[in-house]
Protein backbone atom coordinates (compact mmCIF):
# COMPACT_ATOMS: atom_id res chain seq x y z
CA MET A 1 10.29 120.89 116.04
CA ASN A 2 13.58 122.38 117.32
CA THR A 3 14.15 125.48 115.16
CA ASP A 4 17.05 126.73 117.28
CA TYR A 5 19.35 123.81 116.52
CA GLU A 6 22.84 124.91 115.47
CA SER A 7 25.85 122.68 114.85
CA ILE A 8 28.83 122.15 112.55
CA ALA A 9 29.83 118.71 111.24
CA LYS A 10 33.64 118.65 110.84
CA PRO A 11 35.98 115.69 110.36
CA TYR A 12 39.16 115.01 112.30
CA PHE A 13 41.38 112.02 112.97
CA ASN A 14 42.99 110.60 116.11
CA LEU A 15 45.12 107.47 115.83
CA LEU A 16 46.19 106.92 119.43
CA SER A 17 44.05 106.37 122.51
CA GLU A 18 44.95 108.14 125.75
CA LYS A 19 46.38 104.85 127.06
CA ASP A 20 48.50 104.53 123.89
CA ILE A 21 49.84 108.05 124.39
CA ARG A 22 50.78 107.42 128.03
CA TYR A 23 52.45 104.13 127.05
CA ILE A 24 54.61 105.82 124.40
CA HIS A 25 55.42 108.75 126.69
CA THR A 26 56.47 106.44 129.54
CA ASN A 27 58.78 104.46 127.29
CA ALA A 28 60.26 107.60 125.71
CA LEU A 29 61.10 108.82 129.22
CA LYS A 30 62.68 105.41 129.91
CA ILE A 31 64.92 105.87 126.85
CA LEU A 32 65.98 109.32 128.06
CA GLU A 33 66.68 108.15 131.61
CA GLU A 34 68.21 104.71 131.05
CA ILE A 35 69.84 104.91 127.58
CA GLY A 36 70.36 108.65 127.29
CA VAL A 37 71.16 111.01 124.44
CA LYS A 38 74.58 112.20 123.32
CA VAL A 39 75.15 115.96 123.12
CA ALA A 40 78.23 116.85 121.05
CA HIS A 41 78.35 120.37 122.46
CA ASN A 42 80.25 121.21 125.64
CA GLU A 43 78.05 124.12 126.65
CA GLY A 44 74.90 122.11 125.99
CA GLU A 45 76.19 119.16 127.99
CA LYS A 46 77.19 121.45 130.86
CA LEU A 47 73.76 123.07 130.89
CA LEU A 48 72.06 119.70 131.21
CA LEU A 49 74.39 118.52 133.99
CA GLU A 50 73.75 121.74 135.92
CA HIS A 51 70.03 120.96 135.87
CA GLY A 52 70.18 117.44 137.26
CA CYS A 53 71.13 115.31 134.26
CA THR A 54 73.91 112.76 134.64
CA LYS A 55 76.52 111.37 132.28
CA LEU A 56 76.33 107.64 131.65
CA GLY A 57 79.22 105.28 130.98
CA ASN A 58 78.58 105.37 127.23
CA GLY A 59 79.00 109.16 127.18
CA ALA A 60 75.29 109.80 126.78
CA ILE A 61 73.34 112.17 129.00
CA SER A 62 70.60 110.72 131.20
CA PHE A 63 67.54 112.95 131.60
CA PRO A 64 65.58 112.81 134.88
CA ILE A 65 61.85 112.46 134.31
CA ASP A 66 60.90 115.48 136.41
CA LEU A 67 63.18 117.75 134.33
CA VAL A 68 61.53 116.64 131.08
CA GLU A 69 58.06 117.18 132.53
CA LYS A 70 59.07 120.61 133.86
CA CYS A 71 60.43 121.77 130.50
CA LEU A 72 57.31 120.58 128.66
CA LYS A 73 55.30 123.01 130.79
CA THR A 74 57.36 126.05 129.73
CA VAL A 75 56.92 125.57 125.96
CA PRO A 76 54.44 128.09 124.49
CA SER A 77 51.25 126.32 123.39
CA GLU A 78 50.76 128.87 120.60
CA ILE A 79 53.20 130.68 118.36
CA HIS A 80 51.99 133.72 116.45
CA ILE A 81 53.76 134.11 113.11
CA PHE A 82 53.49 137.26 111.00
CA ASN A 83 54.20 138.20 107.42
CA GLN A 84 56.99 140.59 106.51
CA LYS A 85 54.59 143.54 106.73
CA GLY A 86 53.85 142.83 110.38
CA GLU A 87 50.41 141.31 109.78
CA GLU A 88 49.45 138.15 111.64
CA ALA A 89 49.58 135.21 109.24
CA MET A 90 49.56 132.00 111.31
CA ILE A 91 48.70 130.91 114.84
CA LEU A 92 50.59 127.66 115.34
CA GLY A 93 48.82 125.57 117.96
CA GLY A 94 45.67 123.60 118.61
CA ARG A 95 44.46 121.93 115.42
CA ASN A 96 45.18 124.92 113.16
CA ASN A 97 46.60 123.88 109.77
CA TYR A 98 49.07 125.89 107.69
CA PHE A 99 50.82 124.68 104.55
CA GLY A 100 54.07 125.62 102.86
CA THR A 101 56.93 124.43 100.70
CA GLY A 102 60.11 122.70 101.86
CA THR A 103 63.83 123.35 101.62
CA ASP A 104 67.05 122.16 100.01
CA LEU A 105 66.02 120.22 96.88
CA ILE A 106 69.17 119.49 94.90
CA LYS A 107 67.56 118.87 91.49
CA THR A 108 64.87 120.71 89.54
CA TYR A 109 62.52 119.97 86.68
CA ASP A 110 62.74 122.98 84.37
CA VAL A 111 59.16 123.82 83.32
CA ARG A 112 60.41 125.76 80.29
CA THR A 113 62.78 123.17 78.80
CA GLY A 114 61.52 119.90 80.27
CA GLU A 115 65.05 119.21 81.52
CA TYR A 116 66.02 117.56 84.83
CA ARG A 117 69.11 119.36 86.13
CA LEU A 118 70.88 120.68 89.23
CA THR A 119 69.01 123.43 91.04
CA VAL A 120 70.19 127.02 90.52
CA LEU A 121 69.25 130.23 92.33
CA GLN A 122 66.70 131.20 89.66
CA ASP A 123 64.75 128.07 90.62
CA VAL A 124 64.48 129.40 94.17
CA VAL A 125 63.20 132.68 92.69
CA ASN A 126 60.64 130.83 90.57
CA ALA A 127 59.34 128.75 93.46
CA ALA A 128 59.05 131.85 95.64
CA ILE A 129 57.06 133.72 92.98
CA VAL A 130 54.69 130.78 92.46
CA SER A 131 54.27 130.32 96.23
CA ASP A 132 53.62 134.02 96.68
CA TYR A 133 50.85 133.80 94.08
CA CYS A 134 49.15 130.71 95.53
CA LYS A 135 46.40 131.62 97.97
CA GLU A 136 46.55 128.31 99.86
CA VAL A 137 50.31 128.48 100.48
CA ASP A 138 50.69 130.03 103.93
CA PHE A 139 54.48 130.06 104.29
CA VAL A 140 57.38 129.84 101.85
CA SER A 141 60.63 127.89 101.86
CA THR A 142 63.51 127.88 99.41
CA PHE A 143 62.39 124.71 97.54
CA GLY A 144 65.95 124.32 96.34
CA LEU A 145 69.65 124.12 97.15
CA PRO A 146 71.27 126.16 94.36
CA SER A 147 74.44 124.76 92.82
CA ASP A 148 75.55 128.10 91.36
CA ILE A 149 76.13 129.84 94.72
CA HIS A 150 79.21 129.62 96.94
CA LYS A 151 78.39 126.78 99.36
CA ASN A 152 79.04 128.92 102.45
CA LEU A 153 76.55 131.53 101.26
CA THR A 154 73.87 129.19 99.93
CA TYR A 155 71.41 129.53 102.81
CA ILE A 156 71.93 133.29 103.13
CA GLU A 157 71.30 133.82 99.40
CA ASN A 158 68.25 131.57 99.64
CA VAL A 159 66.68 133.64 102.39
CA LYS A 160 67.56 136.89 100.61
CA THR A 161 65.81 135.53 97.53
CA LEU A 162 62.67 134.81 99.56
CA LEU A 163 62.77 138.29 101.13
CA TYR A 164 62.87 139.78 97.63
CA ASN A 165 60.11 137.63 96.13
CA THR A 166 57.39 137.15 98.75
CA THR A 167 55.94 138.84 101.81
CA LYS A 168 54.73 135.55 103.33
CA PRO A 169 56.37 133.95 106.41
CA ILE A 170 59.65 132.18 105.69
CA PHE A 171 60.71 128.65 106.71
CA PHE A 172 64.46 128.19 106.22
CA THR A 173 67.60 126.20 106.95
CA ALA A 174 71.19 127.21 107.71
CA ALA A 175 74.59 125.52 107.71
CA GLY A 176 75.57 126.69 111.18
CA LYS A 177 75.33 129.43 113.77
CA GLU A 178 77.50 131.70 111.63
CA ASP A 179 75.19 132.01 108.62
CA LEU A 180 72.10 131.81 110.85
CA GLU A 181 73.30 134.99 112.58
CA VAL A 182 73.51 136.71 109.19
CA ILE A 183 70.01 135.56 108.23
CA ILE A 184 68.56 136.87 111.51
CA GLU A 185 70.35 140.18 110.92
CA MET A 186 68.80 140.47 107.43
CA ALA A 187 65.36 139.64 108.81
CA SER A 188 65.81 142.26 111.54
CA ILE A 189 66.41 144.89 108.87
CA VAL A 190 63.13 143.95 107.18
CA ALA A 191 61.27 143.95 110.52
CA GLY A 192 62.71 147.30 111.60
CA GLY A 193 64.92 145.95 114.38
CA ARG A 194 65.60 142.91 116.58
CA GLU A 195 62.85 143.74 119.05
CA ASN A 196 60.31 144.05 116.27
CA LEU A 197 61.39 140.69 114.85
CA GLN A 198 61.02 139.05 118.27
CA GLU A 199 57.62 140.64 118.80
CA LYS A 200 56.34 139.80 115.31
CA PRO A 201 58.49 136.97 113.93
CA PHE A 202 58.04 136.22 110.23
CA LEU A 203 60.63 133.47 109.91
CA ILE A 204 61.00 129.96 111.34
CA HIS A 205 64.33 128.16 111.37
CA TYR A 206 64.36 124.43 110.62
CA SER A 207 66.99 122.18 112.17
CA GLU A 208 67.16 118.64 113.48
CA PRO A 209 69.18 116.30 115.70
CA THR A 210 71.02 113.32 114.24
CA PRO A 211 69.43 109.94 114.86
CA PRO A 212 69.85 107.78 116.70
CA LEU A 213 69.87 109.85 119.91
CA LEU A 214 72.48 112.51 119.07
CA HIS A 215 72.41 116.29 119.12
CA SER A 216 75.31 117.47 116.95
CA TYR A 217 77.45 120.52 117.69
CA SER A 218 75.93 122.51 114.82
CA ALA A 219 72.34 121.56 115.75
CA VAL A 220 72.80 122.70 119.35
CA GLN A 221 74.51 125.92 118.22
CA LYS A 222 71.49 126.81 116.09
CA LEU A 223 69.02 125.64 118.74
CA PHE A 224 70.66 127.90 121.33
CA LEU A 225 70.89 130.91 119.02
CA CYS A 226 67.18 130.69 118.24
CA ALA A 227 66.42 130.39 121.95
CA ASP A 228 68.57 133.45 122.70
CA GLU A 229 67.01 135.52 119.92
CA LYS A 230 63.49 134.13 120.51
CA ILE A 231 63.29 133.16 116.87
CA PRO A 232 60.84 130.25 116.37
CA ILE A 233 62.65 127.03 115.57
CA CYS A 234 61.26 123.80 114.20
CA TYR A 235 63.50 121.12 115.73
CA ALA A 236 62.34 117.74 114.50
CA PRO A 237 64.33 114.48 114.37
CA GLY A 238 64.19 112.48 111.16
CA ASP A 239 64.39 108.72 111.72
CA ILE A 240 64.44 105.92 109.14
CA LEU A 241 62.71 102.67 110.07
CA GLY A 242 65.23 99.84 110.21
CA ALA A 243 68.23 102.15 109.69
CA SER A 244 68.46 104.89 112.32
CA CYS A 245 65.65 103.57 114.54
CA PRO A 246 63.86 100.23 115.08
CA VAL A 247 62.03 98.89 112.03
CA THR A 248 58.78 98.62 114.00
CA LEU A 249 56.53 101.67 113.86
CA ILE A 250 56.08 101.80 117.63
CA GLY A 251 59.84 101.53 118.15
CA GLY A 252 60.53 104.39 115.72
CA ILE A 253 57.76 106.53 117.18
CA THR A 254 59.01 106.05 120.75
CA GLN A 255 62.63 106.82 119.85
CA GLY A 256 61.50 109.86 117.84
CA ILE A 257 59.55 111.18 120.82
CA ALA A 258 62.59 110.71 123.07
CA GLU A 259 64.78 112.64 120.62
CA ALA A 260 62.19 115.41 120.29
CA LEU A 261 61.75 115.72 124.06
CA SER A 262 65.50 115.96 124.64
CA GLY A 263 65.68 118.80 122.12
CA ILE A 264 62.86 120.61 123.89
CA VAL A 265 64.70 120.31 127.22
CA LEU A 266 67.91 121.79 125.75
CA HIS A 267 65.99 124.63 124.15
CA GLN A 268 63.89 125.52 127.16
CA LEU A 269 66.81 125.40 129.61
CA ARG A 270 68.75 127.80 127.40
CA ASN A 271 66.06 130.46 127.69
CA LYS A 272 63.72 130.01 130.63
CA ASP A 273 61.25 132.60 129.35
CA GLY A 274 59.63 129.97 127.16
CA SER A 275 61.21 130.54 123.76
CA PRO A 276 59.05 129.35 120.84
CA ILE A 277 59.71 125.85 119.51
CA ILE A 278 57.82 123.64 117.06
CA SER A 279 58.30 119.92 117.57
CA GLY A 280 57.45 116.59 115.97
CA PHE A 281 59.49 114.04 114.07
CA GLY A 282 59.71 112.19 110.79
CA VAL A 283 59.80 108.40 111.13
CA VAL A 284 59.85 107.24 107.56
CA THR A 285 60.05 103.97 105.65
CA MET A 286 63.21 102.87 103.88
CA ASP A 287 62.38 100.57 100.98
CA MET A 288 64.47 97.49 101.75
CA ARG A 289 64.84 96.71 98.02
CA THR A 290 66.15 100.10 96.92
CA ALA A 291 67.23 101.83 100.19
CA ILE A 292 65.02 104.77 99.16
CA PHE A 293 63.58 107.14 101.77
CA CYS A 294 59.84 106.86 100.97
CA TYR A 295 57.75 110.02 101.28
CA GLY A 296 54.67 108.27 99.93
CA ALA A 297 54.76 105.24 102.24
CA PRO A 298 51.63 104.52 104.29
CA GLU A 299 53.85 103.89 107.34
CA PHE A 300 55.04 107.50 107.12
CA ARG A 301 51.46 108.68 107.36
CA LEU A 302 50.84 106.47 110.41
CA THR A 303 53.92 107.72 112.26
CA ASN A 304 53.00 111.33 111.43
CA SER A 305 49.50 110.77 112.82
CA ALA A 306 51.00 109.25 115.97
CA PHE A 307 53.31 112.16 116.68
CA ALA A 308 50.46 114.60 116.05
CA ASP A 309 48.47 112.89 118.80
CA MET A 310 51.52 113.00 121.08
CA LEU A 311 52.15 116.69 120.47
CA HIS A 312 48.48 117.51 121.04
CA TYR A 313 48.82 115.68 124.37
CA TYR A 314 51.84 117.86 125.23
CA ASN A 315 49.99 120.95 123.91
CA ILE A 316 53.00 121.96 121.81
CA PRO A 317 52.90 123.37 118.23
CA MET A 318 53.84 120.71 115.71
CA TRP A 319 55.39 120.21 112.32
CA SER A 320 54.32 117.71 109.69
CA THR A 321 55.23 116.85 106.13
CA VAL A 322 53.84 115.68 102.81
CA GLY A 323 55.46 114.65 99.53
CA THR A 324 55.78 111.93 96.91
CA ASP A 325 58.33 109.49 95.57
CA ALA A 326 57.24 110.21 91.97
CA PHE A 327 59.55 112.22 89.70
CA THR A 328 56.78 113.57 87.44
CA LEU A 329 53.34 115.09 87.84
CA ASP A 330 51.74 111.71 87.35
CA PRO A 331 48.94 109.83 89.17
CA GLN A 332 51.39 108.65 91.84
CA ALA A 333 52.34 112.25 92.65
CA GLY A 334 48.68 113.19 92.85
CA PHE A 335 47.49 110.39 95.10
CA GLU A 336 50.50 110.54 97.46
CA HIS A 337 50.28 114.31 97.84
CA GLY A 338 46.51 114.15 98.18
CA LEU A 339 46.56 111.45 100.84
CA GLY A 340 49.40 113.06 102.78
CA THR A 341 47.81 116.52 102.71
CA LEU A 342 44.42 115.23 103.84
CA LEU A 343 45.79 113.09 106.67
CA SER A 344 48.16 115.81 107.95
CA ALA A 345 45.22 118.21 108.08
CA LEU A 346 42.93 115.68 109.78
CA ASP A 347 45.75 115.02 112.28
CA GLY A 348 45.51 118.67 113.30
CA ALA A 349 49.19 119.29 112.46
CA ASN A 350 50.10 122.97 112.47
CA LEU A 351 53.11 123.63 110.22
CA ILE A 352 52.72 121.26 107.27
CA HIS A 353 55.70 121.63 104.96
CA ASP A 354 57.15 120.00 101.82
CA ILE A 355 54.10 120.66 99.65
CA GLY A 356 55.10 120.11 96.04
CA TYR A 357 58.03 117.83 96.91
CA LEU A 358 58.85 115.23 94.25
CA GLY A 359 61.38 112.41 93.99
CA GLN A 360 61.79 111.42 97.66
CA GLY A 361 62.52 114.99 98.71
CA LEU A 362 65.22 115.52 96.08
CA LEU A 363 63.39 117.14 93.15
CA SER A 364 61.64 120.49 92.81
CA ASN A 365 59.10 121.51 90.19
CA PRO A 366 57.19 124.79 90.63
CA ALA A 367 54.17 123.25 88.86
CA ALA A 368 53.90 120.80 91.78
CA ILE A 369 53.27 123.80 94.05
CA ILE A 370 50.26 124.67 91.88
CA MET A 371 49.04 121.07 92.22
CA SER A 372 49.42 121.23 95.99
CA ASN A 373 47.65 124.59 96.10
CA GLU A 374 44.54 122.96 94.62
CA ILE A 375 44.82 119.88 96.84
CA ILE A 376 45.03 122.10 99.93
CA SER A 377 42.01 124.09 98.78
CA SER A 378 40.01 120.87 98.43
CA VAL A 379 41.22 119.53 101.79
CA ARG A 380 40.28 122.77 103.52
CA ARG A 381 36.79 122.42 102.11
CA ILE A 382 36.56 118.95 103.61
CA LEU A 383 37.81 120.18 106.98
CA ARG A 384 35.34 123.06 106.99
CA GLY A 385 32.52 120.52 107.04
CA PHE A 386 28.99 121.88 106.94
CA LYS A 387 26.57 123.74 109.17
CA LEU A 388 23.34 122.28 110.51
CA ASN A 389 20.56 124.78 111.18
CA GLU A 390 17.08 125.70 110.03
CA ASN A 391 18.31 128.11 107.37
CA LYS A 392 20.76 125.63 105.85
CA ILE A 393 18.40 122.67 105.81
CA GLY A 394 15.96 124.68 103.70
CA LEU A 395 12.65 123.00 104.63
CA LYS A 396 10.65 125.97 103.34
CA THR A 397 12.39 125.74 99.97
CA ILE A 398 11.90 121.97 99.81
CA LYS A 399 8.19 122.52 100.51
CA LYS A 400 7.98 125.25 97.87
CA VAL A 401 9.68 123.19 95.15
CA GLY A 402 7.91 119.98 96.09
CA PRO A 403 8.09 116.65 94.24
CA SER A 404 9.51 116.75 90.69
CA GLY A 405 10.51 120.42 90.97
CA SER A 406 13.87 122.17 90.45
CA PHE A 407 15.98 124.05 92.97
CA LEU A 408 18.16 125.70 90.33
CA SER A 409 16.41 129.08 90.27
CA GLU A 410 15.54 129.25 93.96
CA GLU A 411 16.85 132.06 96.17
CA HIS A 412 18.11 129.47 98.68
CA THR A 413 20.39 128.02 95.96
CA LEU A 414 21.67 131.44 94.91
CA LYS A 415 22.35 132.40 98.51
CA HIS A 416 24.29 129.29 99.52
CA PHE A 417 25.94 127.60 96.52
CA ARG A 418 29.20 129.58 96.61
CA GLU A 419 29.76 128.74 100.27
CA GLU A 420 28.64 125.12 100.06
CA ILE A 421 30.20 123.92 96.80
CA TRP A 422 33.96 123.93 96.23
CA GLN A 423 35.07 125.19 92.82
CA SER A 424 38.12 123.68 91.20
CA LYS A 425 40.63 125.97 89.52
CA LEU A 426 42.34 123.40 87.27
CA SER A 427 40.84 119.94 87.84
CA ASN A 428 38.78 118.83 84.88
CA ARG A 429 35.03 119.44 85.13
CA LEU A 430 34.41 119.80 81.42
CA ASP A 431 32.20 117.43 79.49
CA TYR A 432 33.95 115.09 77.07
CA GLU A 433 33.22 117.08 73.88
CA THR A 434 34.40 120.37 75.39
CA TRP A 435 37.55 118.71 76.74
CA ILE A 436 38.33 117.43 73.22
CA LYS A 437 37.76 120.89 71.70
CA LYS A 438 40.09 122.47 74.25
CA GLY A 439 42.97 120.21 73.23
CA LYS A 440 42.58 117.10 75.43
CA LYS A 441 45.02 118.56 77.95
CA SER A 442 46.09 116.49 80.91
CA TYR A 443 46.14 117.86 84.43
CA ALA A 444 49.96 118.02 84.23
CA ASP A 445 49.68 120.10 81.02
CA LEU A 446 47.39 122.57 82.79
CA LEU A 447 49.72 122.80 85.77
CA ILE A 448 52.70 123.64 83.55
CA GLU A 449 50.67 126.24 81.62
CA LYS A 450 49.52 127.91 84.84
CA THR A 451 53.04 127.92 86.24
CA LEU A 452 54.45 129.62 83.14
CA GLU A 453 51.63 132.17 83.23
CA ILE A 454 52.38 133.02 86.88
CA LEU A 455 56.11 133.37 86.23
CA GLU A 456 55.37 135.76 83.38
CA THR A 457 52.72 137.89 85.07
CA HIS A 458 52.92 137.76 88.87
CA LYS A 459 54.93 140.59 90.43
CA PRO A 460 55.63 140.13 94.15
CA GLU A 461 55.61 143.16 96.41
CA LEU A 462 59.11 144.63 96.60
CA LEU A 463 61.06 145.62 99.70
CA PRO A 464 61.88 149.33 100.03
CA VAL A 465 65.10 150.29 98.25
CA ASN A 466 66.86 151.30 101.49
CA VAL A 467 66.06 147.89 103.03
CA GLN A 468 67.43 146.10 99.96
CA GLU A 469 70.60 148.20 100.11
CA SER A 470 71.10 147.27 103.79
CA ILE A 471 70.62 143.58 103.00
CA GLU A 472 73.18 143.78 100.17
CA ARG A 473 75.71 145.36 102.55
CA ILE A 474 75.14 142.55 105.05
CA LEU A 475 75.60 140.01 102.27
CA THR A 476 78.87 141.60 101.13
CA GLU A 477 80.24 141.50 104.68
CA ALA A 478 79.07 137.90 105.09
CA TYR A 479 80.88 136.83 101.92
CA THR A 480 84.17 138.22 103.24
CA LYS A 481 83.66 136.60 106.63
CA LEU A 482 82.28 133.21 105.60
CA LYS A 483 83.70 132.35 102.18
CA ASN A 484 86.69 130.41 103.54
CA MET A 485 85.07 129.15 106.73
CA LYS A 486 84.65 125.44 107.41
CA PHE A 487 81.41 124.91 109.28
CA LYS A 488 81.58 122.45 112.16
CA ALA A 489 78.95 119.73 111.89
């Protein structure tokens, strides 16, 4: 008998074969070289032309294959992300999975009143507090686009709110270079200076090109600023099957890869020291009956799995997304979030955002973050798999107990059950009679109760007073500078 055997059984998922990957890559390069990509930014266009690109008759920029391949080699294969206290929190790369909320939800379900209404800044506060509490939430986004803030200061106020209500890494959006500069300045104050922020970044900017095959002025401005400041940026095109890209999955995937690669080239040429970028794309279904962007569509999961395989091939950190089209915490929300979370993790995606998203990416509900927290915990148990060795298999204990015996009181059970068996926090594991006695509460009821408890009792770690005062001064100056500005798209 081999008593030295040691192994771990762990699941993972690959959709594409190596031949599939090469086929998609070749055709994405063909799009870049023969069809090209428009760059609505003079400096960006000039940079590309100086490095061997050419301008086609349609105004698009043609990318030579060797330039794309060269830039792929300069992208860091790992990005180390820290929390606001300077402690390492995430290593984006390989098949490492990290989960967090998403940005810019325009409506909110109020867990106190049961009302559906426009999002306000307090909703951003609430989501940040709940996310800070949840152990399985690795990074935090605004989870809302507040309607009660001056539109030119929305993104700045959002990030300030996150700085005040969590110490976890921050994933954020901005309207343009102007407010992005302010956000980086605020983050530098928290980090203790620009160099410290570059050395131990705790925030990731999210931006995207405009499909089909266009990098807007604002997108390039933000892409270049992040490259200059060495702030990690997630630059991921979002394509809609049959609307902004071909309706076929392979057509959308190939166009999405071309758009992503062109963004990587722009970013890497701007700063040749290998500035950190997270790539990927969203190629999502549009329901042809309702014109709804479908977060829960099975095609969305397939295209996400495909780009994960492509980005693993490039050895570049990747983004992914989850979510649901349901507006309530109902079975649809549960199964779409559960399926999306499991598949994104099995794909080996790194930065998995939009946990808790409801209503096609339009509706926030802090209780959905609690639901996602438990889903992630369960998924992580699946991904951990199980160990195979002499100690774990327990032959001596099986021999001791023998036929018709019980393992309940055995030392082997006591030693291993906490590690082996996942414990639910909220999912029902009561017997029927006990469930009746406890009020016959649904899972949604328990989620709302837990959310209200967290909002009442959880107190996030506060920034030092002098840091808060500096941030408020920056915000006051930004209001004067930006309140009447018209951002260029």
